[in-house]
PDB file of N, CA and C in Angstrom:
ATOM      1  N   MET A   1       5.632 -18.116  10.037  1.00  0.00           N
ATOM      2  CA  MET A   1       6.246 -16.816  10.173  1.00  0.00           C
ATOM      3  C   MET A   1       6.275 -16.450  11.649  1.00  0.00           C
ATOM      4  N   THR A   2       7.214 -15.662  12.050  1.00  0.00           N
ATOM      5  CA  THR A   2       7.386 -15.329  13.452  1.00  0.00           C
ATOM      6  C   THR A   2       6.322 -14.353  13.923  1.00  0.00           C
ATOM      7  N   SER A   3       6.276 -14.137  15.243  1.00  0.00           N
ATOM      8  CA  SER A   3       5.284 -13.233  15.823  1.00  0.00           C
ATOM      9  C   SER A   3       5.547 -11.781  15.447  1.00  0.00           C
ATOM     10  N   GLU A   4       6.712 -11.478  14.884  1.00  0.00           N
ATOM     11  CA  GLU A   4       7.004 -10.106  14.495  1.00  0.00           C
ATOM     12  C   GLU A   4       6.497  -9.774  13.088  1.00  0.00           C
ATOM     13  N   ALA A   5       5.724 -10.663  12.505  1.00  0.00           N
ATOM     14  CA  ALA A   5       5.164 -10.394  11.184  1.00  0.00           C
ATOM     15  C   ALA A   5       4.098  -9.312  11.272  1.00  0.00           C
ATOM     16  N   VAL A   6       4.052  -8.464  10.252  1.00  0.00           N
ATOM     17  CA  VAL A   6       3.049  -7.404  10.176  1.00  0.00           C
ATOM     18  C   VAL A   6       2.443  -7.380   8.780  1.00  0.00           C
ATOM     19  N   CYS A   7       1.311  -6.728   8.684  1.00  0.00           N
ATOM     20  CA  CYS A   7       0.707  -6.464   7.382  1.00  0.00           C
ATOM     21  C   CYS A   7       0.800  -4.967   7.147  1.00  0.00           C
ATOM     22  N   LEU A   8       1.564  -4.598   6.133  1.00  0.00           N
ATOM     23  CA  LEU A   8       1.679  -3.206   5.723  1.00  0.00           C
ATOM     24  C   LEU A   8       0.629  -2.960   4.650  1.00  0.00           C
ATOM     25  N   THR A   9      -0.256  -2.011   4.907  1.00  0.00           N
ATOM     26  CA  THR A   9      -1.294  -1.644   3.948  1.00  0.00           C
ATOM     27  C   THR A   9      -0.944  -0.285   3.371  1.00  0.00           C
ATOM     28  N   LEU A  10      -1.009  -0.186   2.055  1.00  0.00           N
ATOM     29  CA  LEU A  10      -0.757   1.069   1.347  1.00  0.00           C
ATOM     30  C   LEU A  10      -1.995   1.429   0.537  1.00  0.00           C
ATOM     31  N   ILE A  11      -2.330   2.696   0.508  1.00  0.00           N
ATOM     32  CA  ILE A  11      -3.418   3.176  -0.339  1.00  0.00           C
ATOM     33  C   ILE A  11      -2.888   4.352  -1.142  1.00  0.00           C
ATOM     34  N   ALA A  12      -3.053   4.254  -2.463  1.00  0.00           N
ATOM     35  CA  ALA A  12      -2.538   5.283  -3.364  1.00  0.00           C
ATOM     36  C   ALA A  12      -3.586   5.615  -4.412  1.00  0.00           C
ATOM     37  N   ALA A  13      -3.436   6.794  -4.998  1.00  0.00           N
ATOM     38  CA  ALA A  13      -4.298   7.175  -6.122  1.00  0.00           C
ATOM     39  C   ALA A  13      -4.105   6.158  -7.249  1.00  0.00           C
ATOM     40  N   ARG A  14      -5.173   5.826  -7.935  1.00  0.00           N
ATOM     41  CA  ARG A  14      -5.105   4.792  -8.968  1.00  0.00           C
ATOM     42  C   ARG A  14      -4.099   5.131 -10.059  1.00  0.00           C
ATOM     43  N   GLN A  15      -3.850   6.411 -10.332  1.00  0.00           N
ATOM     44  CA  GLN A  15      -2.880   6.756 -11.372  1.00  0.00           C
ATOM     45  C   GLN A  15      -1.452   6.386 -10.966  1.00  0.00           C
ATOM     46  N   LEU A  16      -1.216   6.095  -9.681  1.00  0.00           N
ATOM     47  CA  LEU A  16       0.108   5.656  -9.221  1.00  0.00           C
ATOM     48  C   LEU A  16       0.262   4.136  -9.240  1.00  0.00           C
ATOM     49  N   ARG A  17      -0.775   3.438  -9.643  1.00  0.00           N
ATOM     50  CA  ARG A  17      -0.805   1.973  -9.585  1.00  0.00           C
ATOM     51  C   ARG A  17       0.427   1.330 -10.221  1.00  0.00           C
ATOM     52  N   ASP A  18       0.672   1.588 -11.490  1.00  0.00           N
ATOM     53  CA  ASP A  18       1.786   0.933 -12.187  1.00  0.00           C
ATOM     54  C   ASP A  18       3.129   1.308 -11.580  1.00  0.00           C
ATOM     55  N   GLU A  19       3.296   2.586 -11.245  1.00  0.00           N
ATOM     56  CA  GLU A  19       4.548   3.038 -10.641  1.00  0.00           C
ATOM     57  C   GLU A  19       4.774   2.356  -9.288  1.00  0.00           C
ATOM     58  N   LEU A  20       3.724   2.271  -8.478  1.00  0.00           N
ATOM     59  CA  LEU A  20       3.839   1.632  -7.172  1.00  0.00           C
ATOM     60  C   LEU A  20       4.125   0.146  -7.312  1.00  0.00           C
ATOM     61  N   PHE A  21       3.416  -0.534  -8.206  1.00  0.00           N
ATOM     62  CA  PHE A  21       3.646  -1.968  -8.408  1.00  0.00           C
ATOM     63  C   PHE A  21       5.062  -2.230  -8.883  1.00  0.00           C
ATOM     64  N   ASP A  22       5.536  -1.440  -9.832  1.00  0.00           N
ATOM     65  CA  ASP A  22       6.911  -1.599 -10.316  1.00  0.00           C
ATOM     66  C   ASP A  22       7.901  -1.374  -9.183  1.00  0.00           C
ATOM     67  N   TYR A  23       7.670  -0.331  -8.395  1.00  0.00           N
ATOM     68  CA  TYR A  23       8.570  -0.006  -7.295  1.00  0.00           C
ATOM     69  C   TYR A  23       8.627  -1.152  -6.280  1.00  0.00           C
ATOM     70  N   LEU A  24       7.461  -1.646  -5.891  1.00  0.00           N
ATOM     71  CA  LEU A  24       7.431  -2.742  -4.917  1.00  0.00           C
ATOM     72  C   LEU A  24       8.108  -3.995  -5.470  1.00  0.00           C
ATOM     73  N   SER A  25       7.928  -4.260  -6.743  1.00  0.00           N
ATOM     74  CA  SER A  25       8.568  -5.425  -7.367  1.00  0.00           C
ATOM     75  C   SER A  25      10.081  -5.290  -7.363  1.00  0.00           C
ATOM     76  N   GLU A  26      10.584  -4.066  -7.422  1.00  0.00           N
ATOM     77  CA  GLU A  26      12.032  -3.827  -7.400  1.00  0.00           C
ATOM     78  C   GLU A  26      12.617  -3.968  -5.993  1.00  0.00           C
ATOM     79  N   GLN A  27      11.781  -3.968  -4.976  1.00  0.00           N
ATOM     80  CA  GLN A  27      12.248  -4.054  -3.586  1.00  0.00           C
ATOM     81  C   GLN A  27      12.273  -5.514  -3.116  1.00  0.00           C
ATOM     82  N   ALA A  28      12.829  -6.391  -3.923  1.00  0.00           N
ATOM     83  CA  ALA A  28      12.809  -7.831  -3.655  1.00  0.00           C
ATOM     84  C   ALA A  28      13.510  -8.199  -2.353  1.00  0.00           C
ATOM     85  N   ASP A  29      14.422  -7.366  -1.886  1.00  0.00           N
ATOM     86  CA  ASP A  29      15.102  -7.659  -0.619  1.00  0.00           C
ATOM     87  C   ASP A  29      14.169  -7.500   0.584  1.00  0.00           C
ATOM     88  N   LEU A  30      13.051  -6.779   0.413  1.00  0.00           N
ATOM     89  CA  LEU A  30      12.113  -6.547   1.509  1.00  0.00           C
ATOM     90  C   LEU A  30      10.717  -7.094   1.242  1.00  0.00           C
ATOM     91  N   VAL A  31      10.295  -7.074  -0.011  1.00  0.00           N
ATOM     92  CA  VAL A  31       8.913  -7.413  -0.365  1.00  0.00           C
ATOM     93  C   VAL A  31       8.860  -8.810  -0.985  1.00  0.00           C
ATOM     94  N   PRO A  32       8.324  -9.801  -0.242  1.00  0.00           N
ATOM     95  CA  PRO A  32       8.243 -11.160  -0.779  1.00  0.00           C
ATOM     96  C   PRO A  32       7.131 -11.314  -1.816  1.00  0.00           C
ATOM     97  N   GLY A  33       6.215 -10.388  -1.846  1.00  0.00           N
ATOM     98  CA  GLY A  33       5.063 -10.404  -2.744  1.00  0.00           C
ATOM     99  C   GLY A  33       4.009  -9.490  -2.143  1.00  0.00           C
ATOM    100  N   PHE A  34       2.966  -9.216  -2.894  1.00  0.00           N
ATOM    101  CA  PHE A  34       1.910  -8.351  -2.363  1.00  0.00           C
ATOM    102  C   PHE A  34       0.599  -8.660  -3.046  1.00  0.00           C
ATOM    103  N   THR A  35      -0.471  -8.243  -2.409  1.00  0.00           N
ATOM    104  CA  THR A  35      -1.818  -8.384  -2.941  1.00  0.00           C
ATOM    105  C   THR A  35      -2.383  -6.991  -3.146  1.00  0.00           C
ATOM    106  N   ALA A  36      -3.048  -6.784  -4.274  1.00  0.00           N
ATOM    107  CA  ALA A  36      -3.599  -5.466  -4.571  1.00  0.00           C
ATOM    108  C   ALA A  36      -5.051  -5.589  -5.022  1.00  0.00           C
ATOM    109  N   SER A  37      -5.799  -4.544  -4.734  1.00  0.00           N
ATOM    110  CA  SER A  37      -7.183  -4.478  -5.205  1.00  0.00           C
ATOM    111  C   SER A  37      -7.560  -3.013  -5.390  1.00  0.00           C
ATOM    112  N   ASP A  38      -8.610  -2.794  -6.148  1.00  0.00           N
ATOM    113  CA  ASP A  38      -9.116  -1.445  -6.339  1.00  0.00           C
ATOM    114  C   ASP A  38      -9.890  -1.028  -5.097  1.00  0.00           C
ATOM    115  N   ALA A  39      -9.897   0.265  -4.831  1.00  0.00           N
ATOM    116  CA  ALA A  39     -10.593   0.796  -3.663  1.00  0.00           C
ATOM    117  C   ALA A  39     -11.228   2.126  -4.023  1.00  0.00           C
ATOM    118  N   ALA A  40     -12.178   2.521  -3.204  1.00  0.00           N
ATOM    119  CA  ALA A  40     -12.852   3.807  -3.363  1.00  0.00           C
ATOM    120  C   ALA A  40     -12.598   4.621  -2.104  1.00  0.00           C
ATOM    121  N   GLY A  41     -11.875   5.735  -2.246  1.00  0.00           N
ATOM    122  CA  GLY A  41     -11.522   6.562  -1.097  1.00  0.00           C
ATOM    123  C   GLY A  41     -12.597   7.592  -0.791  1.00  0.00           C
ATOM    124  N   HIS A  42     -12.969   7.660   0.482  1.00  0.00           N
ATOM    125  CA  HIS A  42     -13.973   8.612   0.951  1.00  0.00           C
ATOM    126  C   HIS A  42     -13.400   9.386   2.122  1.00  0.00           C
ATOM    127  N   GLY A  43     -13.837  10.607   2.320  1.00  0.00           N
ATOM    128  CA  GLY A  43     -13.445  11.366   3.505  1.00  0.00           C
ATOM    129  C   GLY A  43     -12.920  12.745   3.177  1.00  0.00           C
ATOM    130  N   ALA A  44     -12.808  13.548   4.231  1.00  0.00           N
ATOM    131  CA  ALA A  44     -12.407  14.945   4.078  1.00  0.00           C
ATOM    132  C   ALA A  44     -10.985  15.087   3.555  1.00  0.00           C
ATOM    133  N   ASN A  45     -10.111  14.132   3.830  1.00  0.00           N
ATOM    134  CA  ASN A  45      -8.714  14.235   3.409  1.00  0.00           C
ATOM    135  C   ASN A  45      -8.430  13.563   2.069  1.00  0.00           C
ATOM    136  N   VAL A  46      -9.450  13.031   1.425  1.00  0.00           N
ATOM    137  CA  VAL A  46      -9.280  12.350   0.145  1.00  0.00           C
ATOM    138  C   VAL A  46      -9.398  13.366  -0.984  1.00  0.00           C
ATOM    139  N   ARG A  47      -8.395  13.368  -1.864  1.00  0.00           N
ATOM    140  CA  ARG A  47      -8.401  14.288  -3.003  1.00  0.00           C
ATOM    141  C   ARG A  47      -9.186  13.676  -4.160  1.00  0.00           C
ATOM    142  N   LEU A  48     -10.203  14.379  -4.614  1.00  0.00           N
ATOM    143  CA  LEU A  48     -10.950  13.961  -5.806  1.00  0.00           C
ATOM    144  C   LEU A  48     -10.278  14.630  -6.991  1.00  0.00           C
ATOM    145  N   GLN A  49      -9.534  13.841  -7.775  1.00  0.00           N
ATOM    146  CA  GLN A  49      -8.638  14.365  -8.800  1.00  0.00           C
ATOM    147  C   GLN A  49      -9.324  14.722 -10.120  1.00  0.00           C
ATOM    148  N   SER A  50     -10.325  13.964 -10.498  1.00  0.00           N
ATOM    149  CA  SER A  50     -10.917  14.151 -11.827  1.00  0.00           C
ATOM    150  C   SER A  50     -12.387  14.546 -11.698  1.00  0.00           C
ATOM    151  N   PRO A  51     -12.947  15.079 -12.786  1.00  0.00           N
ATOM    152  CA  PRO A  51     -14.386  15.378 -12.769  1.00  0.00           C
ATOM    153  C   PRO A  51     -15.223  14.129 -12.485  1.00  0.00           C
ATOM    154  N   GLU A  52     -14.782  12.985 -13.010  1.00  0.00           N
ATOM    155  CA  GLU A  52     -15.515  11.740 -12.773  1.00  0.00           C
ATOM    156  C   GLU A  52     -15.553  11.398 -11.282  1.00  0.00           C
ATOM    157  N   GLU A  53     -14.405  11.580 -10.609  1.00  0.00           N
ATOM    158  CA  GLU A  53     -14.368  11.301  -9.171  1.00  0.00           C
ATOM    159  C   GLU A  53     -15.273  12.267  -8.407  1.00  0.00           C
ATOM    160  N   ARG A  54     -15.313  13.516  -8.824  1.00  0.00           N
ATOM    161  CA  ARG A  54     -16.174  14.490  -8.147  1.00  0.00           C
ATOM    162  C   ARG A  54     -17.648  14.128  -8.327  1.00  0.00           C
ATOM    163  N   VAL A  55     -18.014  13.634  -9.499  1.00  0.00           N
ATOM    164  CA  VAL A  55     -19.395  13.211  -9.731  1.00  0.00           C
ATOM    165  C   VAL A  55     -19.720  11.978  -8.889  1.00  0.00           C
ATOM    166  N   LYS A  56     -18.786  10.993  -8.866  1.00  0.00           N
ATOM    167  CA  LYS A  56     -19.004   9.758  -8.098  1.00  0.00           C
ATOM    168  C   LYS A  56     -18.942  10.015  -6.598  1.00  0.00           C
ATOM    169  N   GLY A  57     -18.186  11.026  -6.180  1.00  0.00           N
ATOM    170  CA  GLY A  57     -18.055  11.338  -4.766  1.00  0.00           C
ATOM    171  C   GLY A  57     -17.009  10.511  -4.040  1.00  0.00           C
ATOM    172  N   HIS A  58     -16.144   9.844  -4.783  1.00  0.00           N
ATOM    173  CA  HIS A  58     -15.045   9.107  -4.162  1.00  0.00           C
ATOM    174  C   HIS A  58     -13.851   9.084  -5.105  1.00  0.00           C
ATOM    175  N   ALA A  59     -12.682   8.856  -4.522  1.00  0.00           N
ATOM    176  CA  ALA A  59     -11.446   8.791  -5.306  1.00  0.00           C
ATOM    177  C   ALA A  59     -11.162   7.349  -5.697  1.00  0.00           C
ATOM    178  N   ASP A  60     -10.760   7.150  -6.949  1.00  0.00           N
ATOM    179  CA  ASP A  60     -10.344   5.829  -7.408  1.00  0.00           C
ATOM    180  C   ASP A  60      -8.942   5.568  -6.875  1.00  0.00           C
ATOM    181  N   GLN A  61      -8.805   4.515  -6.099  1.00  0.00           N
ATOM    182  CA  GLN A  61      -7.537   4.227  -5.453  1.00  0.00           C
ATOM    183  C   GLN A  61      -7.158   2.759  -5.629  1.00  0.00           C
ATOM    184  N   VAL A  62      -5.933   2.457  -5.253  1.00  0.00           N
ATOM    185  CA  VAL A  62      -5.455   1.083  -5.223  1.00  0.00           C
ATOM    186  C   VAL A  62      -5.037   0.789  -3.786  1.00  0.00           C
ATOM    187  N   LEU A  63      -5.368  -0.403  -3.310  1.00  0.00           N
ATOM    188  CA  LEU A  63      -5.032  -0.841  -1.970  1.00  0.00           C
ATOM    189  C   LEU A  63      -4.058  -2.002  -2.093  1.00  0.00           C
ATOM    190  N   VAL A  64      -2.930  -1.917  -1.403  1.00  0.00           N
ATOM    191  CA  VAL A  64      -1.892  -2.951  -1.461  1.00  0.00           C
ATOM    192  C   VAL A  64      -1.652  -3.468  -0.053  1.00  0.00           C
ATOM    193  N   ARG A  65      -1.573  -4.794   0.081  1.00  0.00           N
ATOM    194  CA  ARG A  65      -1.244  -5.409   1.365  1.00  0.00           C
ATOM    195  C   ARG A  65       0.000  -6.270   1.204  1.00  0.00           C
ATOM    196  N   ILE A  66       0.920  -6.122   2.165  1.00  0.00           N
ATOM    197  CA  ILE A  66       2.166  -6.878   2.146  1.00  0.00           C
ATOM    198  C   ILE A  66       2.376  -7.469   3.540  1.00  0.00           C
ATOM    199  N   VAL A  67       2.549  -8.782   3.639  1.00  0.00           N
ATOM    200  CA  VAL A  67       2.888  -9.418   4.909  1.00  0.00           C
ATOM    201  C   VAL A  67       4.397  -9.633   4.904  1.00  0.00           C
ATOM    202  N   LEU A  68       5.055  -9.086   5.928  1.00  0.00           N
ATOM    203  CA  LEU A  68       6.513  -9.142   5.997  1.00  0.00           C
ATOM    204  C   LEU A  68       6.958  -8.909   7.435  1.00  0.00           C
ATOM    205  N   PRO A  69       8.219  -9.174   7.754  1.00  0.00           N
ATOM    206  CA  PRO A  69       8.703  -8.896   9.106  1.00  0.00           C
ATOM    207  C   PRO A  69       8.625  -7.399   9.419  1.00  0.00           C
ATOM    208  N   ASN A  70       8.393  -7.070  10.670  1.00  0.00           N
ATOM    209  CA  ASN A  70       8.254  -5.679  11.076  1.00  0.00           C
ATOM    210  C   ASN A  70       9.465  -4.834  10.680  1.00  0.00           C
ATOM    211  N   ALA A  71      10.669  -5.363  10.857  1.00  0.00           N
ATOM    212  CA  ALA A  71      11.880  -4.598  10.505  1.00  0.00           C
ATOM    213  C   ALA A  71      11.903  -4.287   9.007  1.00  0.00           C
ATOM    214  N   ALA A  72      11.469  -5.229   8.183  1.00  0.00           N
ATOM    215  CA  ALA A  72      11.417  -5.001   6.734  1.00  0.00           C
ATOM    216  C   ALA A  72      10.364  -3.946   6.399  1.00  0.00           C
ATOM    217  N   ALA A  73       9.247  -3.969   7.104  1.00  0.00           N
ATOM    218  CA  ALA A  73       8.205  -2.963   6.881  1.00  0.00           C
ATOM    219  C   ALA A  73       8.734  -1.566   7.208  1.00  0.00           C
ATOM    220  N   GLU A  74       9.485  -1.455   8.297  1.00  0.00           N
ATOM    221  CA  GLU A  74      10.056  -0.159   8.666  1.00  0.00           C
ATOM    222  C   GLU A  74      11.027   0.346   7.600  1.00  0.00           C
ATOM    223  N   ARG A  75      11.881  -0.545   7.081  1.00  0.00           N
ATOM    224  CA  ARG A  75      12.835  -0.138   6.033  1.00  0.00           C
ATOM    225  C   ARG A  75      12.104   0.229   4.745  1.00  0.00           C
ATOM    226  N   LEU A  76      11.076  -0.548   4.399  1.00  0.00           N
ATOM    227  CA  LEU A  76      10.311  -0.247   3.195  1.00  0.00           C
ATOM    228  C   LEU A  76       9.615   1.105   3.321  1.00  0.00           C
ATOM    229  N   LEU A  77       9.052   1.396   4.477  1.00  0.00           N
ATOM    230  CA  LEU A  77       8.406   2.697   4.678  1.00  0.00           C
ATOM    231  C   LEU A  77       9.393   3.841   4.541  1.00  0.00           C
ATOM    232  N   GLU A  78      10.614   3.661   5.041  1.00  0.00           N
ATOM    233  CA  GLU A  78      11.638   4.697   4.868  1.00  0.00           C
ATOM    234  C   GLU A  78      11.884   4.967   3.389  1.00  0.00           C
ATOM    235  N   ARG A  79      11.989   3.909   2.598  1.00  0.00           N
ATOM    236  CA  ARG A  79      12.209   4.059   1.151  1.00  0.00           C
ATOM    237  C   ARG A  79      11.012   4.701   0.476  1.00  0.00           C
ATOM    238  N   LEU A  80       9.807   4.270   0.835  1.00  0.00           N
ATOM    239  CA  LEU A  80       8.597   4.822   0.224  1.00  0.00           C
ATOM    240  C   LEU A  80       8.456   6.312   0.516  1.00  0.00           C
ATOM    241  N   LYS A  81       8.823   6.723   1.725  1.00  0.00           N
ATOM    242  CA  LYS A  81       8.708   8.143   2.096  1.00  0.00           C
ATOM    243  C   LYS A  81       9.609   9.021   1.243  1.00  0.00           C
ATOM    244  N   VAL A  82      10.697   8.468   0.758  1.00  0.00           N
ATOM    245  CA  VAL A  82      11.592   9.209  -0.136  1.00  0.00           C
ATOM    246  C   VAL A  82      11.066   9.138  -1.565  1.00  0.00           C
ATOM    247  N   SER A  83      10.781   7.946  -2.026  1.00  0.00           N
ATOM    248  CA  SER A  83      10.408   7.741  -3.435  1.00  0.00           C
ATOM    249  C   SER A  83       9.013   8.246  -3.781  1.00  0.00           C
ATOM    250  N   PHE A  84       8.110   8.286  -2.805  1.00  0.00           N
ATOM    251  CA  PHE A  84       6.737   8.706  -3.084  1.00  0.00           C
ATOM    252  C   PHE A  84       6.352   9.959  -2.292  1.00  0.00           C
ATOM    253  N   ALA A  85       7.342  10.777  -1.962  1.00  0.00           N
ATOM    254  CA  ALA A  85       7.083  12.032  -1.257  1.00  0.00           C
ATOM    255  C   ALA A  85       6.117  12.889  -2.071  1.00  0.00           C
ATOM    256  N   GLY A  86       5.148  13.482  -1.404  1.00  0.00           N
ATOM    257  CA  GLY A  86       4.202  14.379  -2.066  1.00  0.00           C
ATOM    258  C   GLY A  86       3.041  13.696  -2.763  1.00  0.00           C
ATOM    259  N   THR A  87       2.933  12.365  -2.676  1.00  0.00           N
ATOM    260  CA  THR A  87       1.876  11.647  -3.391  1.00  0.00           C
ATOM    261  C   THR A  87       0.664  11.328  -2.526  1.00  0.00           C
ATOM    262  N   ASN A  88       0.709  11.676  -1.256  1.00  0.00           N
ATOM    263  CA  ASN A  88      -0.376  11.350  -0.317  1.00  0.00           C
ATOM    264  C   ASN A  88      -0.598   9.846  -0.185  1.00  0.00           C
ATOM    265  N   LEU A  89       0.468   9.082  -0.265  1.00  0.00           N
ATOM    266  CA  LEU A  89       0.402   7.639  -0.056  1.00  0.00           C
ATOM    267  C   LEU A  89       0.031   7.403   1.410  1.00  0.00           C
ATOM    268  N   VAL A  90      -1.058   6.694   1.626  1.00  0.00           N
ATOM    269  CA  VAL A  90      -1.539   6.398   2.973  1.00  0.00           C
ATOM    270  C   VAL A  90      -1.042   5.015   3.361  1.00  0.00           C
ATOM    271  N   TYR A  91      -0.665   4.836   4.627  1.00  0.00           N
ATOM    272  CA  TYR A  91      -0.219   3.517   5.073  1.00  0.00           C
ATOM    273  C   TYR A  91      -0.615   3.264   6.513  1.00  0.00           C
ATOM    274  N   TRP A  92      -0.674   2.004   6.864  1.00  0.00           N
ATOM    275  CA  TRP A  92      -0.750   1.595   8.253  1.00  0.00           C
ATOM    276  C   TRP A  92      -0.156   0.201   8.376  1.00  0.00           C
ATOM    277  N   VAL A  93       0.248  -0.118   9.593  1.00  0.00           N
ATOM    278  CA  VAL A  93       0.897  -1.394   9.884  1.00  0.00           C
ATOM    279  C   VAL A  93       0.118  -2.070  11.003  1.00  0.00           C
ATOM    280  N   MET A  94      -0.211  -3.350  10.789  1.00  0.00           N
ATOM    281  CA  MET A  94      -0.931  -4.118  11.808  1.00  0.00           C
ATOM    282  C   MET A  94      -0.215  -5.438  12.043  1.00  0.00           C
ATOM    283  N   PRO A  95      -0.219  -5.921  13.292  1.00  0.00           N
ATOM    284  CA  PRO A  95       0.410  -7.211  13.564  1.00  0.00           C
ATOM    285  C   PRO A  95      -0.354  -8.348  12.894  1.00  0.00           C
ATOM    286  N   VAL A  96       0.389  -9.392  12.531  1.00  0.00           N
ATOM    287  CA  VAL A  96      -0.207 -10.589  11.942  1.00  0.00           C
ATOM    288  C   VAL A  96      -0.027 -11.725  12.947  1.00  0.00           C
ATOM    289  N   ALA A  97      -1.127 -12.302  13.408  1.00  0.00           N
ATOM    290  CA  ALA A  97      -1.061 -13.375  14.396  1.00  0.00           C
ATOM    291  C   ALA A  97      -0.523 -14.665  13.785  1.00  0.00           C
ATOM    292  N   ASP A  98      -0.868 -14.921  12.533  1.00  0.00           N
ATOM    293  CA  ASP A  98      -0.450 -16.152  11.883  1.00  0.00           C
ATOM    294  C   ASP A  98      -0.470 -15.917  10.384  1.00  0.00           C
ATOM    295  N   PHE A  99       0.401 -16.612   9.663  1.00  0.00           N
ATOM    296  CA  PHE A  99       0.468 -16.464   8.227  1.00  0.00           C
ATOM    297  C   PHE A  99       1.021 -17.753   7.644  1.00  0.00           C
ATOM    298  N   GLY A 100       0.467 -18.210   6.561  1.00  0.00           N
ATOM    299  CA  GLY A 100       0.954 -19.416   5.933  1.00  0.00           C
ATOM    300  C   GLY A 100       0.303 -19.641   4.590  1.00  0.00           C
ATOM    301  N   ILE A 101       0.659 -20.743   3.971  1.00  0.00           N
ATOM    302  CA  ILE A 101       0.091 -21.131   2.685  1.00  0.00           C
ATOM    303  C   ILE A 101      -0.443 -22.546   2.827  1.00  0.00           C
ATOM    304  N   ILE A 102      -1.682 -22.751   2.444  1.00  0.00           N
ATOM    305  CA  ILE A 102      -2.284 -24.081   2.465  1.00  0.00           C
ATOM    306  C   ILE A 102      -2.143 -24.630   1.052  1.00  0.00           C
ATOM    307  N   GLU A 103      -1.314 -25.644   0.897  1.00  0.00           N
ATOM    308  CA  GLU A 103      -1.057 -26.201  -0.437  1.00  0.00           C
ATOM    309  C   GLU A 103      -1.885 -27.431  -0.689  1.00  0.00           C
TER     310      GLU A 103
END
């Protein structure tokens, strides 16, 4: 992959998991695939949605990582900002020095 590859990380409330996964799967022109895992959100800006989360002291979240060209990440973020407006979807983009598959 070229030096312009980035890793787009998304963090969403766990109740958005299926909707987010379906949405990303529909963006085949930009998203070659993604990796997801469960996460526990902590901090002053994290919304504790349920009584269980308030007892545990963290929000149940899903973390998604996508390695893709920077231009594709920018276009995907534009789409996400429209489709997931108001959901507090957190994101960041980091450069990827190298990426490949060992077969």
